[in-house]
């Protein structure tokens, strides 16, 4: 559906909603005028539910916003509706998939009669409330997942251009790389969970470039959780984006080999940290941190790793965050010669050797950030239901907040149900848990649409 058509539908929804509320003040239930308006409004909402399971309208800064789209023209003409909703403590209304005519009519009558906000709780497919500080922004009432998808896709395209410039000109395009990291760092600051969830949705044909972007995002996510922000956060992100740039000098038959590398080929591959550091040191305006991270990212806390014979009393914290992100992203990626690892197995590897490879404090922080089952993962619960992980519970990374989207028989729910697994129990009073991660492609599900 084209954007202009969607905006027109949003505008029509607001107008019919306002008309229905006015009609509820003037006419008795079932009046032909209100009935026709109700039928048209319900049809519009159901049409939009074909794109997303929930349609949300809200008031941000005195302006109406629908599905993250500011509706300036409608806002100017519906001042009375805005005031009426605000007077009832309603700044946001979500119409969930499964809504019926009687429920929609009841909602409009409650608004028309200035009902208390608590009275709306009886409507199963309509949620009302206030905008939280995290949701309020000039761009809309919630993070725009479509915009984050575009940001990610553009970052992967830019990473390829940066790679190509390093290959053809001997140095990466710093301006483009900085522009890419600027956008990603802002998104990490505003909605780290949504952006990190996107790193799981990989296009494996572009593994080299998605890996560059993912490591940058995951490094900045860790850094942000440690309180790093602003220019330093961007330097961490840029250094992580550039960590493998030395591979532009690796022969393609080695870099792109689908099978496991031979010992000789691996020796060739191991040159890339030194070559990457050399490229970055010679690149004007490249932060000094970047060649350090490129050189160190395969060194380990206990002095092992490569380049061989290198000893460090301590590794740069940017290196350590990048190394954790690098190993995590590479191990969970589906490659022809390597089966994708479940999240718990990945974290077990990150924790191996009791701190010999990675700083255990940073690994624990990473586990709290990502969870054993990261945001955006499709999982099966111990009840048999299908759910999407939407938020990590840091005290217990094994028991996140999930959104249940299908019952134990695989039947999709009209309205997804949110559950906090850290305090949820099943019908037998047993703690509810994640039983297994699932491949969303096998179920024809895009988990990000439920976040």
Protein backbone atom coordinates (compact mmCIF):
# COMPACT_ATOMS: atom_id res chain seq x y z
CA UNK A 1 0.00 0.00 0.00
CA UNK A 2 1.50 3.34 -1.01
CA UNK A 3 2.29 5.83 1.73
CA UNK A 4 -0.14 8.41 0.32
CA UNK A 5 -2.97 5.84 0.45
CA UNK A 6 -2.09 4.91 4.03
CA UNK A 7 -2.11 8.55 5.16
CA UNK A 8 -5.47 9.04 3.50
CA UNK A 9 -6.82 6.01 5.37
CA UNK A 10 -5.47 7.37 8.67
CA UNK A 11 -7.18 10.68 7.99
CA UNK A 12 -10.44 8.90 7.18
CA UNK A 13 -10.21 6.87 10.41
CA UNK A 14 -9.83 10.04 12.49
CA UNK A 15 -12.74 11.78 10.76
CA UNK A 16 -15.09 8.83 11.13
CA UNK A 17 -14.01 8.36 14.73
CA UNK A 18 -14.76 12.02 15.49
CA UNK A 19 -18.06 11.76 13.64
CA UNK A 20 -19.00 8.62 15.56
CA UNK A 21 -18.29 10.27 18.92
CA UNK A 22 -20.40 13.31 17.95
CA UNK A 23 -23.17 10.99 16.75
CA UNK A 24 -23.10 9.11 20.05
CA UNK A 25 -23.83 12.40 21.82
CA UNK A 26 -26.79 13.16 19.54
CA UNK A 27 -28.42 9.86 18.65
CA UNK A 28 -29.55 6.67 20.35
CA UNK A 29 -27.67 3.40 19.75
CA UNK A 30 -28.54 1.82 16.39
CA UNK A 31 -29.56 5.07 14.68
CA UNK A 32 -29.05 4.71 10.89
CA UNK A 33 -26.58 7.61 10.72
CA UNK A 34 -24.36 6.26 13.49
CA UNK A 35 -24.71 2.69 12.17
CA UNK A 36 -23.44 3.63 8.70
CA UNK A 37 -20.52 5.59 10.15
CA UNK A 38 -19.68 2.70 12.50
CA UNK A 39 -19.70 0.18 9.65
CA UNK A 40 -17.39 2.36 7.53
CA UNK A 41 -15.00 2.99 10.44
CA UNK A 42 -14.80 -0.70 11.30
CA UNK A 43 -14.04 -1.54 7.65
CA UNK A 44 -11.20 0.99 7.61
CA UNK A 45 -9.67 -0.34 10.82
CA UNK A 46 -9.87 -3.92 9.58
CA UNK A 47 -8.23 -2.90 6.29
CA UNK A 48 -5.32 -1.39 8.23
CA UNK A 49 -5.15 -4.50 10.42
CA UNK A 50 -4.17 -6.32 7.25
CA UNK A 51 -0.87 -4.44 7.47
CA UNK A 52 -0.32 -4.60 11.22
CA UNK A 53 -2.13 -6.33 14.09
CA UNK A 54 -2.58 -3.06 15.98
CA UNK A 55 -3.60 0.45 14.90
CA UNK A 56 -2.54 3.15 17.35
CA UNK A 57 -3.62 6.77 17.43
CA UNK A 58 -2.36 9.28 19.95
CA UNK A 59 -1.84 12.89 20.88
CA UNK A 60 1.72 14.18 20.95
CA UNK A 61 2.35 17.86 21.64
CA UNK A 62 -1.28 18.69 20.89
CA UNK A 63 -1.11 16.93 17.53
CA UNK A 64 -2.87 13.77 16.40
CA UNK A 65 -0.57 10.95 15.31
CA UNK A 66 -1.63 7.66 13.72
CA UNK A 67 0.82 4.77 13.42
CA UNK A 68 3.77 7.15 13.89
CA UNK A 69 2.45 9.50 11.19
CA UNK A 70 1.73 13.10 12.35
CA UNK A 71 -1.67 14.20 11.02
CA UNK A 72 -1.29 17.98 10.89
CA UNK A 73 -4.38 18.75 8.81
CA UNK A 74 -6.68 16.54 10.88
CA UNK A 75 -5.22 17.96 14.10
CA UNK A 76 -6.05 21.52 13.04
CA UNK A 77 -9.66 20.54 12.38
CA UNK A 78 -10.24 18.31 15.42
CA UNK A 79 -9.26 20.48 18.36
CA UNK A 80 -12.47 19.59 20.19
CA UNK A 81 -11.77 15.85 19.89
CA UNK A 82 -8.22 16.33 21.18
CA UNK A 83 -9.45 18.31 24.18
CA UNK A 84 -12.17 15.77 24.94
CA UNK A 85 -9.77 12.83 24.90
CA UNK A 86 -7.21 14.66 27.02
CA UNK A 87 -9.84 15.65 29.55
CA UNK A 88 -10.50 11.94 30.09
CA UNK A 89 -6.82 11.13 30.50
CA UNK A 90 -6.63 9.52 27.04
CA UNK A 91 -3.53 10.32 25.01
CA UNK A 92 -3.28 7.02 23.18
CA UNK A 93 -5.81 4.55 21.76
CA UNK A 94 -4.84 1.17 20.26
CA UNK A 95 -7.36 -0.82 18.23
CA UNK A 96 -6.21 -4.45 18.19
CA UNK A 97 -6.99 -7.04 15.54
CA UNK A 98 -10.26 -8.84 16.36
CA UNK A 99 -12.27 -5.74 17.25
CA UNK A 100 -16.00 -5.86 16.51
CA UNK A 101 -18.72 -3.32 15.87
CA UNK A 102 -20.32 -3.49 19.32
CA UNK A 103 -16.98 -2.91 21.04
CA UNK A 104 -16.13 0.02 18.78
CA UNK A 105 -19.55 1.57 19.36
CA UNK A 106 -19.16 1.13 23.12
CA UNK A 107 -15.80 2.91 22.97
CA UNK A 108 -17.24 5.91 21.16
CA UNK A 109 -20.12 6.15 23.64
CA UNK A 110 -17.73 6.06 26.59
CA UNK A 111 -15.78 8.94 25.05
CA UNK A 112 -19.00 10.81 24.25
CA UNK A 113 -20.22 10.53 27.84
CA UNK A 114 -16.84 11.56 29.31
CA UNK A 115 -16.42 8.23 31.05
CA UNK A 116 -13.56 7.62 33.47
CA UNK A 117 -10.50 6.05 31.82
CA UNK A 118 -10.91 2.97 34.05
CA UNK A 119 -14.24 2.18 32.35
CA UNK A 120 -12.45 1.42 29.09
CA UNK A 121 -10.77 -1.62 30.67
CA UNK A 122 -13.81 -3.77 29.80
CA UNK A 123 -13.08 -3.44 26.06
CA UNK A 124 -10.88 -6.44 25.14
CA UNK A 125 -9.52 -5.12 21.83
CA UNK A 126 -9.15 -1.43 22.68
CA UNK A 127 -6.44 -0.07 24.93
CA UNK A 128 -6.31 3.50 26.16
CA UNK A 129 -3.70 5.31 28.19
CA UNK A 130 -1.16 8.08 28.33
CA UNK A 131 1.96 8.52 26.24
CA UNK A 132 5.07 7.58 28.22
CA UNK A 133 8.23 9.65 28.05
CA UNK A 134 9.89 6.88 26.03
CA UNK A 135 7.10 6.86 23.45
CA UNK A 136 6.78 10.61 22.98
CA UNK A 137 8.77 12.08 20.10
CA UNK A 138 8.31 14.41 17.18
CA UNK A 139 8.30 11.42 14.86
CA UNK A 140 5.34 9.67 16.43
CA UNK A 141 4.08 7.85 19.46
CA UNK A 142 6.18 4.73 19.10
CA UNK A 143 9.39 3.69 17.40
CA UNK A 144 8.76 3.31 13.70
CA UNK A 145 9.93 -0.21 12.92
CA UNK A 146 9.64 0.47 9.19
CA UNK A 147 12.03 3.41 9.56
CA UNK A 148 14.46 1.29 11.58
CA UNK A 149 14.32 -1.40 8.88
CA UNK A 150 15.17 1.23 6.26
CA UNK A 151 17.99 2.56 8.44
CA UNK A 152 19.44 -0.94 8.77
CA UNK A 153 19.11 -1.72 5.06
CA UNK A 154 20.74 1.60 4.15
CA UNK A 155 23.55 0.90 6.63
CA UNK A 156 24.27 -2.46 4.95
CA UNK A 157 24.34 -0.76 1.53
CA UNK A 158 26.67 1.93 2.89
CA UNK A 159 28.93 -0.71 4.45
CA UNK A 160 29.33 -2.28 1.03
CA UNK A 161 30.27 1.11 -0.44
CA UNK A 162 32.79 1.69 2.36
CA UNK A 163 34.26 -1.76 1.69
CA UNK A 164 34.43 -1.12 -2.06
CA UNK A 165 36.22 2.20 -1.57
CA UNK A 166 38.80 0.53 0.70
CA UNK A 167 39.32 -2.16 -1.92
CA UNK A 168 39.62 0.16 -4.92
CA UNK A 169 41.25 3.24 -3.36
CA UNK A 170 43.20 1.73 -0.49
CA UNK A 171 41.18 3.53 2.17
CA UNK A 172 37.53 3.45 3.26
CA UNK A 173 35.09 6.30 2.63
CA UNK A 174 35.25 7.93 6.08
CA UNK A 175 32.48 10.44 5.43
CA UNK A 176 30.03 7.72 4.42
CA UNK A 177 31.08 5.49 7.31
CA UNK A 178 30.59 8.35 9.79
CA UNK A 179 27.18 9.15 8.33
CA UNK A 180 26.17 5.52 8.68
CA UNK A 181 27.32 5.31 12.30
CA UNK A 182 25.62 8.62 13.15
CA UNK A 183 22.24 7.17 12.21
CA UNK A 184 22.88 3.86 13.94
CA UNK A 185 24.15 5.50 17.14
CA UNK A 186 21.05 7.69 17.34
CA UNK A 187 18.83 4.65 16.89
CA UNK A 188 20.79 2.71 19.53
CA UNK A 189 20.26 5.60 21.94
CA UNK A 190 16.53 5.94 21.20
CA UNK A 191 15.49 2.32 20.70
CA UNK A 192 18.29 -0.11 21.37
CA UNK A 193 15.97 -3.12 21.67
CA UNK A 194 14.35 -2.69 18.25
CA UNK A 195 17.65 -2.13 16.47
CA UNK A 196 19.35 -5.08 18.16
CA UNK A 197 16.37 -7.23 17.18
CA UNK A 198 17.05 -6.35 13.55
CA UNK A 199 20.57 -7.75 13.77
CA UNK A 200 18.99 -11.22 13.99
CA UNK A 201 17.17 -10.75 10.66
CA UNK A 202 20.16 -11.34 8.43
CA UNK A 203 20.47 -11.54 4.66
CA UNK A 204 23.16 -14.17 4.41
CA UNK A 205 23.97 -13.40 0.78
CA UNK A 206 25.45 -10.13 2.11
CA UNK A 207 27.14 -11.72 5.11
CA UNK A 208 30.27 -9.53 5.04
CA UNK A 209 28.29 -6.29 5.08
CA UNK A 210 25.52 -7.33 7.46
CA UNK A 211 28.25 -8.58 9.79
CA UNK A 212 29.96 -5.16 9.69
CA UNK A 213 26.71 -3.42 10.57
CA UNK A 214 25.67 -5.96 13.20
CA UNK A 215 28.99 -5.77 15.02
CA UNK A 216 28.76 -1.98 15.01
CA UNK A 217 25.22 -2.07 16.44
CA UNK A 218 26.02 -4.70 19.06
CA UNK A 219 29.18 -2.86 20.11
CA UNK A 220 27.32 0.42 20.52
CA UNK A 221 24.51 -1.37 22.35
CA UNK A 222 27.00 -2.66 24.90
CA UNK A 223 28.76 0.71 25.13
CA UNK A 224 25.48 2.54 25.65
CA UNK A 225 24.56 0.13 28.44
CA UNK A 226 27.87 1.05 30.10
CA UNK A 227 26.94 4.75 29.97
CA UNK A 228 29.03 5.68 26.93
CA UNK A 229 27.36 8.23 24.67
CA UNK A 230 27.94 11.09 22.24
CA UNK A 231 31.15 11.29 20.25
CA UNK A 232 32.81 8.38 22.06
CA UNK A 233 29.81 6.14 21.33
CA UNK A 234 30.13 6.98 17.64
CA UNK A 235 33.87 6.24 17.71
CA UNK A 236 33.12 2.82 19.21
CA UNK A 237 30.55 2.23 16.46
CA UNK A 238 32.85 3.38 13.67
CA UNK A 239 35.74 1.28 14.95
CA UNK A 240 33.48 -1.78 15.12
CA UNK A 241 32.18 -1.11 11.60
CA UNK A 242 35.80 -1.05 10.39
CA UNK A 243 37.09 -4.00 12.46
CA UNK A 244 37.36 -6.41 9.50
CA UNK A 245 38.37 -3.89 6.83
CA UNK A 246 41.73 -5.66 6.43
CA UNK A 247 39.86 -8.46 4.70
CA UNK A 248 39.68 -6.32 1.56
CA UNK A 249 43.23 -7.64 1.00
CA UNK A 250 42.24 -11.26 1.61
CA UNK A 251 41.93 -13.26 -1.64
CA UNK A 252 38.28 -13.75 -2.53
CA UNK A 253 38.68 -17.51 -2.85
CA UNK A 254 39.68 -17.58 0.83
CA UNK A 255 37.28 -14.90 2.10
CA UNK A 256 34.22 -16.38 0.37
CA UNK A 257 35.07 -20.07 0.64
CA UNK A 258 31.88 -21.90 1.68
CA UNK A 259 33.74 -24.82 3.28
CA UNK A 260 36.00 -24.79 6.32
CA UNK A 261 39.38 -23.17 5.66
CA UNK A 262 42.53 -25.27 5.43
CA UNK A 263 45.41 -24.48 7.78
CA UNK A 264 47.18 -22.58 5.01
CA UNK A 265 44.09 -20.59 4.13
CA UNK A 266 43.53 -19.77 7.78
CA UNK A 267 47.07 -18.37 8.01
CA UNK A 268 46.19 -16.06 5.12
CA UNK A 269 42.94 -15.05 6.84
CA UNK A 270 44.84 -14.25 10.05
CA UNK A 271 46.68 -11.41 8.33
CA UNK A 272 43.61 -9.17 8.25
CA UNK A 273 44.02 -7.53 11.71
CA UNK A 274 47.46 -6.17 10.83
CA UNK A 275 46.38 -5.15 7.34
CA UNK A 276 43.23 -3.52 8.69
CA UNK A 277 45.21 -1.50 11.23
CA UNK A 278 47.57 -0.39 8.47
CA UNK A 279 44.71 0.73 6.22
CA UNK A 280 43.00 2.65 9.03
CA UNK A 281 46.20 4.31 10.27
CA UNK A 282 46.72 5.71 6.78
CA UNK A 283 43.12 6.93 6.43
CA UNK A 284 42.76 10.67 7.18
CA UNK A 285 40.14 11.64 9.82
CA UNK A 286 39.86 8.06 11.05
CA UNK A 287 39.66 8.03 14.89
CA UNK A 288 42.76 6.62 16.57
CA UNK A 289 40.60 3.96 18.23
CA UNK A 290 39.76 2.31 14.87
CA UNK A 291 43.20 0.87 14.01
CA UNK A 292 43.58 -0.27 17.62
CA UNK A 293 40.34 -2.25 17.47
CA UNK A 294 41.16 -3.65 14.04
CA UNK A 295 44.57 -4.83 15.29
CA UNK A 296 43.37 -6.24 18.62
CA UNK A 297 39.96 -7.75 17.89
CA UNK A 298 41.28 -11.33 17.62
CA UNK A 299 43.56 -11.05 20.66
CA UNK A 300 42.31 -12.56 23.91
CA UNK A 301 42.51 -11.54 27.55
CA UNK A 302 44.97 -14.37 28.30
CA UNK A 303 47.35 -13.27 25.53
CA UNK A 304 46.34 -15.91 22.97
CA UNK A 305 44.74 -15.22 19.62
CA UNK A 306 46.35 -13.43 16.71
CA UNK A 307 48.45 -11.63 15.48
CA UNK A 308 50.85 -14.12 17.05
CA UNK A 309 53.54 -13.02 19.48
CA UNK A 310 51.64 -9.89 20.54
CA UNK A 311 51.31 -9.24 24.25
CA UNK A 312 49.08 -6.63 25.84
CA UNK A 313 48.82 -5.87 29.56
CA UNK A 314 45.19 -5.00 28.83
CA UNK A 315 43.01 -4.79 25.75
CA UNK A 316 41.18 -1.58 24.90
CA UNK A 317 37.59 -1.66 26.16
CA UNK A 318 36.43 -0.83 22.62
CA UNK A 319 38.29 -3.91 21.40
CA UNK A 320 36.72 -6.10 24.08
CA UNK A 321 33.17 -4.96 23.27
CA UNK A 322 33.81 -5.39 19.55
CA UNK A 323 35.32 -8.86 20.07
CA UNK A 324 32.30 -10.07 22.02
CA UNK A 325 29.97 -8.68 19.34
CA UNK A 326 32.11 -10.18 16.57
CA UNK A 327 32.10 -13.72 18.02
CA UNK A 328 28.41 -13.57 18.94
CA UNK A 329 27.30 -12.42 15.49
CA UNK A 330 29.56 -14.81 13.59
CA UNK A 331 28.55 -17.87 15.61
CA UNK A 332 24.83 -17.36 15.31
CA UNK A 333 25.03 -16.77 11.56
CA UNK A 334 23.91 -19.56 9.27
CA UNK A 335 26.88 -20.38 7.04
CA UNK A 336 27.23 -23.27 4.59
CA UNK A 337 29.92 -24.93 6.71
CA UNK A 338 28.64 -23.95 10.15
CA UNK A 339 25.28 -24.62 11.71
CA UNK A 340 23.67 -21.65 13.46
CA UNK A 341 24.08 -21.83 17.23
CA UNK A 342 21.22 -21.35 19.68
CA UNK A 343 21.67 -18.30 21.85
CA UNK A 344 22.37 -20.24 25.03
CA UNK A 345 25.16 -22.16 23.31
CA UNK A 346 26.70 -18.94 22.03
CA UNK A 347 26.75 -17.42 25.49
CA UNK A 348 28.24 -20.61 26.90
CA UNK A 349 31.11 -20.24 24.42
CA UNK A 350 31.53 -16.57 25.32
CA UNK A 351 31.84 -17.61 28.97
CA UNK A 352 34.29 -20.45 28.34
CA UNK A 353 37.77 -20.64 29.85
CA UNK A 354 36.66 -18.76 32.94
CA UNK A 355 37.67 -15.34 31.67
CA UNK A 356 40.67 -16.41 29.56
CA UNK A 357 39.13 -15.20 26.29
CA UNK A 358 36.76 -12.42 27.39
CA UNK A 359 36.36 -10.21 30.43
CA UNK A 360 33.65 -11.97 32.42
CA UNK A 361 32.16 -8.73 33.70
CA UNK A 362 31.59 -7.58 30.11
CA UNK A 363 30.21 -10.99 29.14
CA UNK A 364 27.69 -10.82 32.01
CA UNK A 365 26.66 -7.33 30.90
CA UNK A 366 26.29 -8.62 27.33
CA UNK A 367 24.06 -11.47 28.53
CA UNK A 368 21.90 -8.94 30.36
CA UNK A 369 21.70 -6.80 27.23
CA UNK A 370 20.89 -9.59 24.76
CA UNK A 371 19.29 -12.19 26.98
CA UNK A 372 19.58 -15.87 26.28
CA UNK A 373 16.74 -15.35 23.84
CA UNK A 374 17.29 -11.89 22.28
CA UNK A 375 14.53 -9.44 21.28
CA UNK A 376 12.94 -10.35 17.96
CA UNK A 377 13.45 -14.09 18.43
CA UNK A 378 10.53 -16.42 17.75
CA UNK A 379 10.28 -18.99 20.54
CA UNK A 380 8.09 -21.84 21.73
CA UNK A 381 6.94 -21.62 25.33
CA UNK A 382 6.67 -24.50 27.77
CA UNK A 383 2.89 -24.25 27.21
CA UNK A 384 3.39 -25.02 23.51
CA UNK A 385 2.42 -21.49 22.46
CA UNK A 386 4.43 -19.44 19.95
CA UNK A 387 5.75 -16.06 21.10
CA UNK A 388 8.08 -13.26 20.09
CA UNK A 389 10.64 -11.99 22.60
CA UNK A 390 10.04 -8.26 23.07
CA UNK A 391 12.13 -7.33 26.09
CA UNK A 392 14.95 -8.79 28.16
CA UNK A 393 14.64 -9.22 31.91
CA UNK A 394 18.18 -8.46 33.10
CA UNK A 395 17.93 -10.28 36.48
CA UNK A 396 17.02 -13.51 34.65
CA UNK A 397 18.06 -13.52 30.96
CA UNK A 398 16.37 -16.93 30.47
CA UNK A 399 12.91 -15.50 31.24
CA UNK A 400 12.17 -12.45 29.04
CA UNK A 401 8.98 -10.56 28.31
CA UNK A 402 7.24 -12.17 25.34
CA UNK A 403 4.27 -11.50 23.08
CA UNK A 404 2.24 -14.69 22.51
CA UNK A 405 1.04 -14.81 18.90
CA UNK A 406 -0.27 -18.39 18.49
CA UNK A 407 -1.76 -21.05 20.74
CA UNK A 408 -0.31 -24.52 21.34
CA UNK A 409 -2.05 -25.80 18.21
CA UNK A 410 -0.44 -23.13 16.05
CA UNK A 411 -3.64 -21.10 15.68
CA UNK A 412 -2.87 -17.39 15.41
CA UNK A 413 -4.37 -15.20 18.13
CA UNK A 414 -6.54 -12.30 17.03
CA UNK A 415 -4.94 -10.22 19.77
CA UNK A 416 -1.37 -11.07 20.88
CA UNK A 417 -0.90 -11.46 24.64
CA UNK A 418 2.03 -10.00 26.56
CA UNK A 419 3.56 -12.09 29.34
CA UNK A 420 6.42 -11.52 31.75
CA UNK A 421 7.95 -14.98 31.95
CA UNK A 422 9.80 -14.12 35.16
CA UNK A 423 6.51 -14.24 37.05
CA UNK A 424 4.14 -16.16 34.71
CA UNK A 425 2.81 -19.63 35.53
CA UNK A 426 0.94 -22.17 33.40
CA UNK A 427 -2.43 -23.80 34.08
CA UNK A 428 -0.77 -26.21 36.51
CA UNK A 429 0.91 -23.48 38.49
CA UNK A 430 4.34 -24.26 37.06
CA UNK A 431 6.72 -21.44 36.03
CA UNK A 432 6.33 -20.61 32.36
CA UNK A 433 9.58 -20.78 30.36
CA UNK A 434 10.98 -20.71 26.84
CA UNK A 435 11.39 -24.29 25.67
CA UNK A 436 13.17 -23.59 22.37
CA UNK A 437 14.07 -20.88 19.84
CA UNK A 438 12.40 -21.31 16.44
CA UNK A 439 13.15 -20.37 12.84
CA UNK A 440 10.44 -17.85 11.87
CA UNK A 441 10.82 -18.77 8.17
CA UNK A 442 9.40 -22.22 8.93
CA UNK A 443 6.22 -20.58 10.21
CA UNK A 444 5.94 -17.76 7.69
CA UNK A 445 6.26 -15.20 10.48
CA UNK A 446 8.11 -11.88 10.58
CA UNK A 447 8.69 -11.44 14.33
CA UNK A 448 9.53 -7.74 13.98
CA UNK A 449 5.92 -6.93 13.06
CA UNK A 450 4.94 -7.98 16.59
CA UNK A 451 7.50 -5.85 18.42
